[in-house]
Amino acid sequence: MNIANNAGVGAATSAAQDPTAGAAQMLLLKKALDSQAAVAASLIQAIPQPPLATEGLVGRNLNTLA
């Protein structure tokens, strides 16, 4: 088996030869993920809370057993 033809090995060796480019790419990836997390959090916060039940049996009482 020749590991030189493996794309992952080639990417790892090129990243090891130029650590500055790899660090810049990791910083860019981290910023992109942080941005996506912020957008997802704002979308979740924008969802309105469901109203509480005012009539009927479902959602008005809490039944617990010890």
PDB file of N, CA and C in Angstrom:
ATOM      1  N   MET A   1       0.840  -1.175   0.000  1.00  0.00           N
ATOM      2  CA  MET A   1       0.000   0.000   0.000  1.00  0.00           C
ATOM      3  C   MET A   1       0.888   1.241   0.000  1.00  0.00           C
ATOM      4  N   ASN A   2       0.610   2.136  -0.891  1.00  0.00           N
ATOM      5  CA  ASN A   2       1.376   3.365  -1.008  1.00  0.00           C
ATOM      6  C   ASN A   2       0.583   4.502  -0.369  1.00  0.00           C
ATOM      7  N   ILE A   3       1.055   5.010   0.771  1.00  0.00           N
ATOM      8  CA  ILE A   3       0.308   6.056   1.461  1.00  0.00           C
ATOM      9  C   ILE A   3       0.532   7.432   0.864  1.00  0.00           C
ATOM     10  N   ALA A   4       1.475   7.559  -0.045  1.00  0.00           N
ATOM     11  CA  ALA A   4       1.742   8.855  -0.664  1.00  0.00           C
ATOM     12  C   ALA A   4       0.578   9.297  -1.541  1.00  0.00           C
ATOM     13  N   ASN A   5      -0.234   8.354  -2.019  1.00  0.00           N
ATOM     14  CA  ASN A   5      -1.355   8.689  -2.881  1.00  0.00           C
ATOM     15  C   ASN A   5      -2.600   9.083  -2.097  1.00  0.00           C
ATOM     16  N   ASN A   6      -2.573   8.912  -0.802  1.00  0.00           N
ATOM     17  CA  ASN A   6      -3.731   9.240   0.019  1.00  0.00           C
ATOM     18  C   ASN A   6      -3.859  10.760   0.135  1.00  0.00           C
ATOM     19  N   ALA A   7      -5.036  11.286  -0.160  1.00  0.00           N
ATOM     20  CA  ALA A   7      -5.252  12.736  -0.131  1.00  0.00           C
ATOM     21  C   ALA A   7      -5.115  13.292   1.276  1.00  0.00           C
ATOM     22  N   GLY A   8      -5.549  12.542   2.266  1.00  0.00           N
ATOM     23  CA  GLY A   8      -5.430  13.005   3.648  1.00  0.00           C
ATOM     24  C   GLY A   8      -3.995  13.128   4.091  1.00  0.00           C
ATOM     25  N   VAL A   9      -3.152  12.186   3.650  1.00  0.00           N
ATOM     26  CA  VAL A   9      -1.731  12.241   3.999  1.00  0.00           C
ATOM     27  C   VAL A   9      -1.086  13.446   3.329  1.00  0.00           C
ATOM     28  N   GLY A  10      -1.440  13.690   2.097  1.00  0.00           N
ATOM     29  CA  GLY A  10      -0.893  14.846   1.388  1.00  0.00           C
ATOM     30  C   GLY A  10      -1.301  16.159   2.040  1.00  0.00           C
ATOM     31  N   ALA A  11      -2.548  16.245   2.471  1.00  0.00           N
ATOM     32  CA  ALA A  11      -3.006  17.466   3.137  1.00  0.00           C
ATOM     33  C   ALA A  11      -2.312  17.657   4.471  1.00  0.00           C
ATOM     34  N   ALA A  12      -2.112  16.564   5.193  1.00  0.00           N
ATOM     35  CA  ALA A  12      -1.448  16.655   6.498  1.00  0.00           C
ATOM     36  C   ALA A  12       0.009  17.070   6.348  1.00  0.00           C
ATOM     37  N   THR A  13       0.678  16.522   5.355  1.00  0.00           N
ATOM     38  CA  THR A  13       2.085  16.882   5.179  1.00  0.00           C
ATOM     39  C   THR A  13       2.238  18.316   4.690  1.00  0.00           C
ATOM     40  N   SER A  14       1.345  18.770   3.834  1.00  0.00           N
ATOM     41  CA  SER A  14       1.442  20.158   3.373  1.00  0.00           C
ATOM     42  C   SER A  14       1.098  21.126   4.499  1.00  0.00           C
ATOM     43  N   ALA A  15       0.172  20.747   5.377  1.00  0.00           N
ATOM     44  CA  ALA A  15      -0.159  21.605   6.515  1.00  0.00           C
ATOM     45  C   ALA A  15       0.987  21.647   7.508  1.00  0.00           C
ATOM     46  N   ALA A  16       1.690  20.532   7.659  1.00  0.00           N
ATOM     47  CA  ALA A  16       2.822  20.495   8.584  1.00  0.00           C
ATOM     48  C   ALA A  16       3.981  21.328   8.052  1.00  0.00           C
ATOM     49  N   GLN A  17       4.107  21.428   6.739  1.00  0.00           N
ATOM     50  CA  GLN A  17       5.201  22.196   6.152  1.00  0.00           C
ATOM     51  C   GLN A  17       4.943  23.699   6.239  1.00  0.00           C
ATOM     52  N   ASP A  18       3.694  24.108   6.301  1.00  0.00           N
ATOM     53  CA  ASP A  18       3.355  25.530   6.375  1.00  0.00           C
ATOM     54  C   ASP A  18       2.370  25.755   7.520  1.00  0.00           C
ATOM     55  N   PRO A  19       2.868  25.837   8.747  1.00  0.00           N
ATOM     56  CA  PRO A  19       1.964  25.968   9.893  1.00  0.00           C
ATOM     57  C   PRO A  19       1.223  27.301   9.936  1.00  0.00           C
ATOM     58  N   THR A  20       1.763  28.341   9.326  1.00  0.00           N
ATOM     59  CA  THR A  20       1.096  29.639   9.343  1.00  0.00           C
ATOM     60  C   THR A  20      -0.201  29.591   8.544  1.00  0.00           C
ATOM     61  N   ALA A  21      -0.162  28.965   7.379  1.00  0.00           N
ATOM     62  CA  ALA A  21      -1.368  28.849   6.558  1.00  0.00           C
ATOM     63  C   ALA A  21      -2.402  27.988   7.267  1.00  0.00           C
ATOM     64  N   GLY A  22      -1.955  26.928   7.908  1.00  0.00           N
ATOM     65  CA  GLY A  22      -2.882  26.070   8.644  1.00  0.00           C
ATOM     66  C   GLY A  22      -3.520  26.801   9.805  1.00  0.00           C
ATOM     67  N   ALA A  23      -2.755  27.622  10.499  1.00  0.00           N
ATOM     68  CA  ALA A  23      -3.296  28.395  11.615  1.00  0.00           C
ATOM     69  C   ALA A  23      -4.307  29.424  11.120  1.00  0.00           C
ATOM     70  N   ALA A  24      -4.023  30.037   9.975  1.00  0.00           N
ATOM     71  CA  ALA A  24      -4.951  31.012   9.408  1.00  0.00           C
ATOM     72  C   ALA A  24      -6.248  30.335   8.987  1.00  0.00           C
ATOM     73  N   GLN A  25      -6.148  29.155   8.407  1.00  0.00           N
ATOM     74  CA  GLN A  25      -7.346  28.426   8.006  1.00  0.00           C
ATOM     75  C   GLN A  25      -8.165  28.005   9.218  1.00  0.00           C
ATOM     76  N   MET A  26      -7.497  27.582  10.289  1.00  0.00           N
ATOM     77  CA  MET A  26      -8.212  27.193  11.502  1.00  0.00           C
ATOM     78  C   MET A  26      -8.894  28.403  12.137  1.00  0.00           C
ATOM     79  N   LEU A  27      -8.253  29.564  12.095  1.00  0.00           N
ATOM     80  CA  LEU A  27      -8.855  30.777  12.626  1.00  0.00           C
ATOM     81  C   LEU A  27     -10.088  31.163  11.819  1.00  0.00           C
ATOM     82  N   LEU A  28      -9.998  31.055  10.509  1.00  0.00           N
ATOM     83  CA  LEU A  28     -11.136  31.353   9.648  1.00  0.00           C
ATOM     84  C   LEU A  28     -12.277  30.380   9.904  1.00  0.00           C
ATOM     85  N   LEU A  29     -11.960  29.094  10.068  1.00  0.00           N
ATOM     86  CA  LEU A  29     -12.985  28.097  10.365  1.00  0.00           C
ATOM     87  C   LEU A  29     -13.654  28.397  11.697  1.00  0.00           C
ATOM     88  N   LYS A  30     -12.877  28.758  12.708  1.00  0.00           N
ATOM     89  CA  LYS A  30     -13.433  29.069  14.021  1.00  0.00           C
ATOM     90  C   LYS A  30     -14.360  30.273  13.946  1.00  0.00           C
ATOM     91  N   LYS A  31     -13.967  31.303  13.187  1.00  0.00           N
ATOM     92  CA  LYS A  31     -14.814  32.484  13.036  1.00  0.00           C
ATOM     93  C   LYS A  31     -16.114  32.138  12.322  1.00  0.00           C
ATOM     94  N   ALA A  32     -16.032  31.289  11.300  1.00  0.00           N
ATOM     95  CA  ALA A  32     -17.232  30.889  10.565  1.00  0.00           C
ATOM     96  C   ALA A  32     -18.172  30.088  11.460  1.00  0.00           C
ATOM     97  N   LEU A  33     -17.620  29.180  12.261  1.00  0.00           N
ATOM     98  CA  LEU A  33     -18.454  28.389  13.163  1.00  0.00           C
ATOM     99  C   LEU A  33     -19.077  29.260  14.248  1.00  0.00           C
ATOM    100  N   ASP A  34     -18.326  30.220  14.770  1.00  0.00           N
ATOM    101  CA  ASP A  34     -18.874  31.137  15.770  1.00  0.00           C
ATOM    102  C   ASP A  34     -20.005  31.970  15.180  1.00  0.00           C
ATOM    103  N   SER A  35     -19.838  32.400  13.941  1.00  0.00           N
ATOM    104  CA  SER A  35     -20.875  33.178  13.273  1.00  0.00           C
ATOM    105  C   SER A  35     -22.138  32.346  13.074  1.00  0.00           C
ATOM    106  N   GLN A  36     -21.971  31.097  12.651  1.00  0.00           N
ATOM    107  CA  GLN A  36     -23.120  30.219  12.473  1.00  0.00           C
ATOM    108  C   GLN A  36     -23.809  29.933  13.797  1.00  0.00           C
ATOM    109  N   ALA A  37     -23.044  29.777  14.864  1.00  0.00           N
ATOM    110  CA  ALA A  37     -23.628  29.538  16.185  1.00  0.00           C
ATOM    111  C   ALA A  37     -24.434  30.748  16.645  1.00  0.00           C
ATOM    112  N   ALA A  38     -23.937  31.946  16.373  1.00  0.00           N
ATOM    113  CA  ALA A  38     -24.659  33.158  16.756  1.00  0.00           C
ATOM    114  C   ALA A  38     -25.971  33.280  15.985  1.00  0.00           C
ATOM    115  N   VAL A  39     -25.944  32.971  14.702  1.00  0.00           N
ATOM    116  CA  VAL A  39     -27.165  33.027  13.891  1.00  0.00           C
ATOM    117  C   VAL A  39     -28.167  31.984  14.374  1.00  0.00           C
ATOM    118  N   ALA A  40     -27.702  30.780  14.672  1.00  0.00           N
ATOM    119  CA  ALA A  40     -28.597  29.731  15.157  1.00  0.00           C
ATOM    120  C   ALA A  40     -29.209  30.115  16.496  1.00  0.00           C
ATOM    121  N   ALA A  41     -28.420  30.699  17.385  1.00  0.00           N
ATOM    122  CA  ALA A  41     -28.942  31.122  18.687  1.00  0.00           C
ATOM    123  C   ALA A  41     -29.988  32.216  18.528  1.00  0.00           C
ATOM    124  N   SER A  42     -29.755  33.155  17.615  1.00  0.00           N
ATOM    125  CA  SER A  42     -30.737  34.221  17.412  1.00  0.00           C
ATOM    126  C   SER A  42     -32.024  33.678  16.793  1.00  0.00           C
ATOM    127  N   LEU A  43     -31.919  32.686  15.919  1.00  0.00           N
ATOM    128  CA  LEU A  43     -33.125  32.079  15.353  1.00  0.00           C
ATOM    129  C   LEU A  43     -33.923  31.340  16.417  1.00  0.00           C
ATOM    130  N   ILE A  44     -33.232  30.651  17.311  1.00  0.00           N
ATOM    131  CA  ILE A  44     -33.925  29.934  18.388  1.00  0.00           C
ATOM    132  C   ILE A  44     -34.605  30.930  19.325  1.00  0.00           C
ATOM    133  N   GLN A  45     -33.941  32.047  19.622  1.00  0.00           N
ATOM    134  CA  GLN A  45     -34.537  33.058  20.500  1.00  0.00           C
ATOM    135  C   GLN A  45     -35.739  33.734  19.843  1.00  0.00           C
ATOM    136  N   ALA A  46     -35.795  33.758  18.520  1.00  0.00           N
ATOM    137  CA  ALA A  46     -36.887  34.417  17.811  1.00  0.00           C
ATOM    138  C   ALA A  46     -38.169  33.596  17.812  1.00  0.00           C
ATOM    139  N   ILE A  47     -38.083  32.321  18.161  1.00  0.00           N
ATOM    140  CA  ILE A  47     -39.277  31.473  18.191  1.00  0.00           C
ATOM    141  C   ILE A  47     -40.136  31.886  19.377  1.00  0.00           C
ATOM    142  N   PRO A  48     -41.406  32.212  19.143  1.00  0.00           N
ATOM    143  CA  PRO A  48     -42.252  32.630  20.269  1.00  0.00           C
ATOM    144  C   PRO A  48     -42.578  31.446  21.185  1.00  0.00           C
ATOM    145  N   GLN A  49     -42.728  31.759  22.478  1.00  0.00           N
ATOM    146  CA  GLN A  49     -43.098  30.731  23.441  1.00  0.00           C
ATOM    147  C   GLN A  49     -44.569  30.375  23.242  1.00  0.00           C
ATOM    148  N   PRO A  50     -44.919  29.094  23.338  1.00  0.00           N
ATOM    149  CA  PRO A  50     -46.324  28.720  23.192  1.00  0.00           C
ATOM    150  C   PRO A  50     -47.128  29.231  24.388  1.00  0.00           C
ATOM    151  N   PRO A  51     -48.368  29.624  24.157  1.00  0.00           N
ATOM    152  CA  PRO A  51     -49.181  30.122  25.268  1.00  0.00           C
ATOM    153  C   PRO A  51     -49.554  28.985  26.223  1.00  0.00           C
ATOM    154  N   LEU A  52     -49.753  29.345  27.480  1.00  0.00           N
ATOM    155  CA  LEU A  52     -50.167  28.358  28.467  1.00  0.00           C
ATOM    156  C   LEU A  52     -51.629  28.000  28.254  1.00  0.00           C
ATOM    157  N   ALA A  53     -51.989  26.786  28.630  1.00  0.00           N
ATOM    158  CA  ALA A  53     -53.368  26.330  28.506  1.00  0.00           C
ATOM    159  C   ALA A  53     -54.236  27.072  29.518  1.00  0.00           C
ATOM    160  N   THR A  54     -55.396  27.544  29.063  1.00  0.00           N
ATOM    161  CA  THR A  54     -56.312  28.242  29.963  1.00  0.00           C
ATOM    162  C   THR A  54     -57.559  27.427  30.247  1.00  0.00           C
ATOM    163  N   GLU A  55     -57.831  26.422  29.438  1.00  0.00           N
ATOM    164  CA  GLU A  55     -58.998  25.572  29.670  1.00  0.00           C
ATOM    165  C   GLU A  55     -58.674  24.153  29.245  1.00  0.00           C
ATOM    166  N   GLY A  56     -59.487  23.228  29.689  1.00  0.00           N
ATOM    167  CA  GLY A  56     -59.243  21.828  29.388  1.00  0.00           C
ATOM    168  C   GLY A  56     -58.374  21.186  30.450  1.00  0.00           C
ATOM    169  N   LEU A  57     -58.126  19.895  30.291  1.00  0.00           N
ATOM    170  CA  LEU A  57     -57.371  19.161  31.290  1.00  0.00           C
ATOM    171  C   LEU A  57     -55.887  19.049  30.963  1.00  0.00           C
ATOM    172  N   VAL A  58     -55.546  19.188  29.720  1.00  0.00           N
ATOM    173  CA  VAL A  58     -54.157  18.999  29.316  1.00  0.00           C
ATOM    174  C   VAL A  58     -53.370  20.292  29.520  1.00  0.00           C
ATOM    175  N   GLY A  59     -52.253  20.195  30.223  1.00  0.00           N
ATOM    176  CA  GLY A  59     -51.367  21.328  30.389  1.00  0.00           C
ATOM    177  C   GLY A  59     -51.674  22.238  31.551  1.00  0.00           C
ATOM    178  N   ARG A  60     -52.673  21.904  32.369  1.00  0.00           N
ATOM    179  CA  ARG A  60     -53.015  22.772  33.494  1.00  0.00           C
ATOM    180  C   ARG A  60     -52.580  22.203  34.832  1.00  0.00           C
ATOM    181  N   ASN A  61     -52.471  20.887  34.930  1.00  0.00           N
ATOM    182  CA  ASN A  61     -52.143  20.245  36.202  1.00  0.00           C
ATOM    183  C   ASN A  61     -50.873  19.441  36.057  1.00  0.00           C
ATOM    184  N   LEU A  62     -50.138  19.357  37.134  1.00  0.00           N
ATOM    185  CA  LEU A  62     -48.930  18.550  37.167  1.00  0.00           C
ATOM    186  C   LEU A  62     -49.189  17.382  38.098  1.00  0.00           C
ATOM    187  N   ASN A  63     -49.203  16.179  37.552  1.00  0.00           N
ATOM    188  CA  ASN A  63     -49.444  14.983  38.353  1.00  0.00           C
ATOM    189  C   ASN A  63     -48.117  14.300  38.618  1.00  0.00           C
ATOM    190  N   THR A  64     -47.843  14.054  39.903  1.00  0.00           N
ATOM    191  CA  THR A  64     -46.610  13.367  40.268  1.00  0.00           C
ATOM    192  C   THR A  64     -46.919  12.211  41.192  1.00  0.00           C
ATOM    193  N   LEU A  65     -46.099  11.181  41.122  1.00  0.00           N
ATOM    194  CA  LEU A  65     -46.210  10.033  42.018  1.00  0.00           C
ATOM    195  C   LEU A  65     -44.901   9.891  42.755  1.00  0.00           C
ATOM    196  N   ALA A  66     -45.007   9.606  44.055  1.00  0.00           N
ATOM    197  CA  ALA A  66     -43.785   9.423  44.849  1.00  0.00           C
ATOM    198  C   ALA A  66     -43.336   7.986  44.793  1.00  0.00           C
TER     199      ALA A  66
END
